[in-house]
N, C-alpha and C. Protein backbone atom coordinates (compact mmCIF):
# COMPACT_ATOMS: atom_id res chain seq x y z
N MET A 1 97.69 57.26 74.45
CA MET A 1 97.28 57.50 75.63
C MET A 1 98.59 57.17 76.38
N ASN A 2 99.31 57.52 77.47
CA ASN A 2 100.68 56.98 78.09
C ASN A 2 100.41 55.97 79.06
N VAL A 3 101.21 55.71 79.58
CA VAL A 3 101.48 54.53 80.42
C VAL A 3 101.06 54.72 81.48
N ILE A 4 101.10 56.33 82.31
CA ILE A 4 101.04 56.74 83.76
C ILE A 4 98.87 56.94 83.88
N MET A 5 98.76 57.10 82.61
CA MET A 5 97.51 57.35 82.44
C MET A 5 96.61 56.21 82.68
N ILE A 6 97.70 54.71 81.59
CA ILE A 6 96.52 53.13 81.78
C ILE A 6 96.68 52.84 83.12
N PHE A 7 97.55 53.03 83.70
CA PHE A 7 97.66 52.38 85.44
C PHE A 7 96.55 53.39 86.03
N TYR A 8 96.86 54.68 85.90
CA TYR A 8 95.51 55.57 86.70
C TYR A 8 94.37 55.11 86.43
N TYR A 9 93.94 54.45 85.40
CA TYR A 9 92.78 53.92 84.75
C TYR A 9 92.21 52.96 85.84
N LEU A 10 93.19 52.33 85.80
CA LEU A 10 93.35 50.87 86.07
C LEU A 10 93.69 50.59 87.61
N ILE A 11 93.79 51.63 88.82
CA ILE A 11 93.98 51.43 89.89
C ILE A 11 92.53 51.96 89.90
N THR A 12 91.79 53.21 89.49
CA THR A 12 90.12 53.40 89.20
C THR A 12 89.75 52.46 89.45
N ALA A 13 89.34 51.51 88.46
CA ALA A 13 88.82 50.71 88.24
C ALA A 13 88.45 49.46 88.77
N ALA A 14 90.26 48.89 89.76
CA ALA A 14 90.60 48.33 90.83
C ALA A 14 89.85 48.84 91.80
N LEU A 15 89.53 50.36 92.11
CA LEU A 15 89.16 50.55 93.12
C LEU A 15 87.80 51.02 93.19
N VAL A 16 86.99 51.07 92.27
CA VAL A 16 85.60 51.37 92.07
C VAL A 16 84.80 49.46 92.23
N CYS A 17 85.65 48.55 91.71
CA CYS A 17 85.66 47.23 91.69
C CYS A 17 85.66 46.83 93.60
N LEU A 18 86.48 47.02 94.15
CA LEU A 18 86.38 47.12 95.80
C LEU A 18 84.70 47.78 96.26
N LEU A 19 85.12 48.71 95.97
CA LEU A 19 83.69 49.52 96.66
C LEU A 19 82.32 49.01 96.29
N GLY A 20 82.28 48.44 95.04
CA GLY A 20 81.37 47.57 94.71
C GLY A 20 81.25 46.36 95.66
N TRP A 21 81.77 45.49 95.75
CA TRP A 21 81.78 44.32 96.36
C TRP A 21 81.78 44.62 98.04
N ASN A 22 82.05 45.66 98.32
CA ASN A 22 82.22 46.44 99.98
C ASN A 22 80.49 46.56 99.94
N LEU A 23 80.18 47.17 98.65
CA LEU A 23 78.51 47.80 98.89
C LEU A 23 77.56 46.07 99.27
N ILE A 24 78.43 45.25 97.80
CA ILE A 24 77.96 44.16 98.30
C ILE A 24 77.36 43.50 99.72
N ARG A 25 78.55 43.39 99.72
CA ARG A 25 78.49 42.39 101.23
C ARG A 25 77.96 43.06 102.30
N GLU A 26 77.95 44.77 102.22
CA GLU A 26 77.12 45.38 103.78
C GLU A 26 75.92 45.43 103.03
N LYS A 27 74.85 44.96 103.90
CA LYS A 27 73.82 44.68 104.12
C LYS A 27 72.94 45.28 104.91
N LYS A 28 74.12 45.12 106.25
CA LYS A 28 73.44 45.99 107.70
C LYS A 28 73.08 47.74 107.81
N SER A 29 74.01 48.16 107.51
CA SER A 29 73.45 50.09 107.29
C SER A 29 73.50 50.57 106.36
N ALA A 30 72.68 51.05 106.25
CA ALA A 30 72.55 51.92 104.82
C ALA A 30 73.06 52.88 104.93
N ASN A 31 73.68 53.83 105.66
CA ASN A 31 74.50 54.80 105.46
C ASN A 31 76.08 54.25 104.81
N ASP A 32 76.46 53.41 105.47
CA ASP A 32 77.34 52.81 105.00
C ASP A 32 77.27 52.58 103.52
N MET A 33 76.41 52.18 103.18
CA MET A 33 76.29 51.90 101.32
C MET A 33 75.93 53.54 100.85
N ILE A 34 75.16 54.21 101.47
CA ILE A 34 74.93 55.76 100.97
C ILE A 34 76.27 56.37 100.98
N LEU A 35 77.06 56.42 101.80
CA LEU A 35 78.76 56.69 101.73
C LEU A 35 79.74 56.29 100.61
N GLY A 36 79.55 54.72 99.85
CA GLY A 36 80.03 54.06 99.40
C GLY A 36 79.69 54.51 98.30
N LEU A 37 78.46 54.82 98.05
CA LEU A 37 77.97 55.24 96.53
C LEU A 37 78.49 56.69 96.43
N LEU A 38 78.42 57.87 97.47
CA LEU A 38 79.32 58.74 97.47
C LEU A 38 80.80 58.90 96.81
N VAL A 39 81.18 57.72 97.34
CA VAL A 39 82.61 57.53 97.13
C VAL A 39 83.11 56.97 95.64
N MET A 40 82.21 56.30 95.21
CA MET A 40 81.74 55.49 93.86
C MET A 40 81.89 56.54 92.33
N ILE A 41 80.96 57.67 92.96
CA ILE A 41 80.61 58.48 91.72
C ILE A 41 81.53 59.19 91.08
N PRO A 42 82.81 59.73 91.64
CA PRO A 42 83.36 60.51 90.80
C PRO A 42 84.36 59.61 90.17
N LEU A 43 84.65 58.28 90.88
CA LEU A 43 85.64 57.28 90.06
C LEU A 43 84.79 56.81 89.25
N VAL A 44 83.64 56.38 89.03
CA VAL A 44 83.17 56.19 87.83
C VAL A 44 83.12 57.50 86.56
N LEU A 45 82.53 57.85 87.42
CA LEU A 45 82.78 59.58 86.25
C LEU A 45 84.34 59.61 85.90
N ARG A 46 84.94 59.20 86.39
CA ARG A 46 86.49 59.62 85.64
C ARG A 46 86.59 58.38 85.02
N LEU A 47 86.53 57.16 85.30
CA LEU A 47 86.29 56.12 83.97
C LEU A 47 86.03 56.47 82.89
N LEU A 48 84.77 56.53 83.06
CA LEU A 48 84.05 57.44 81.55
C LEU A 48 84.41 58.82 81.31
N ARG A 49 85.43 59.02 81.56
CA ARG A 49 85.92 60.47 81.59
C ARG A 49 85.19 61.69 81.30
N VAL A 50 83.72 61.66 82.32
CA VAL A 50 83.22 62.78 82.49
C VAL A 50 83.87 63.94 83.63
N LYS A 51 83.42 64.82 83.26
CA LYS A 51 84.16 65.93 83.95
C LYS A 51 83.39 67.18 84.50
């Protein structure tokens, strides 16, 4: 794996962590939680290398 791919996966992991933290903090609006999960699904699949 080259350096660019490593940085790509690190950035993706950081985004998943930020979205997860935002999901934990967001308890008022169910719509925002669902939108956060919808954004997080492709990122998690990308980290797991599922296409």
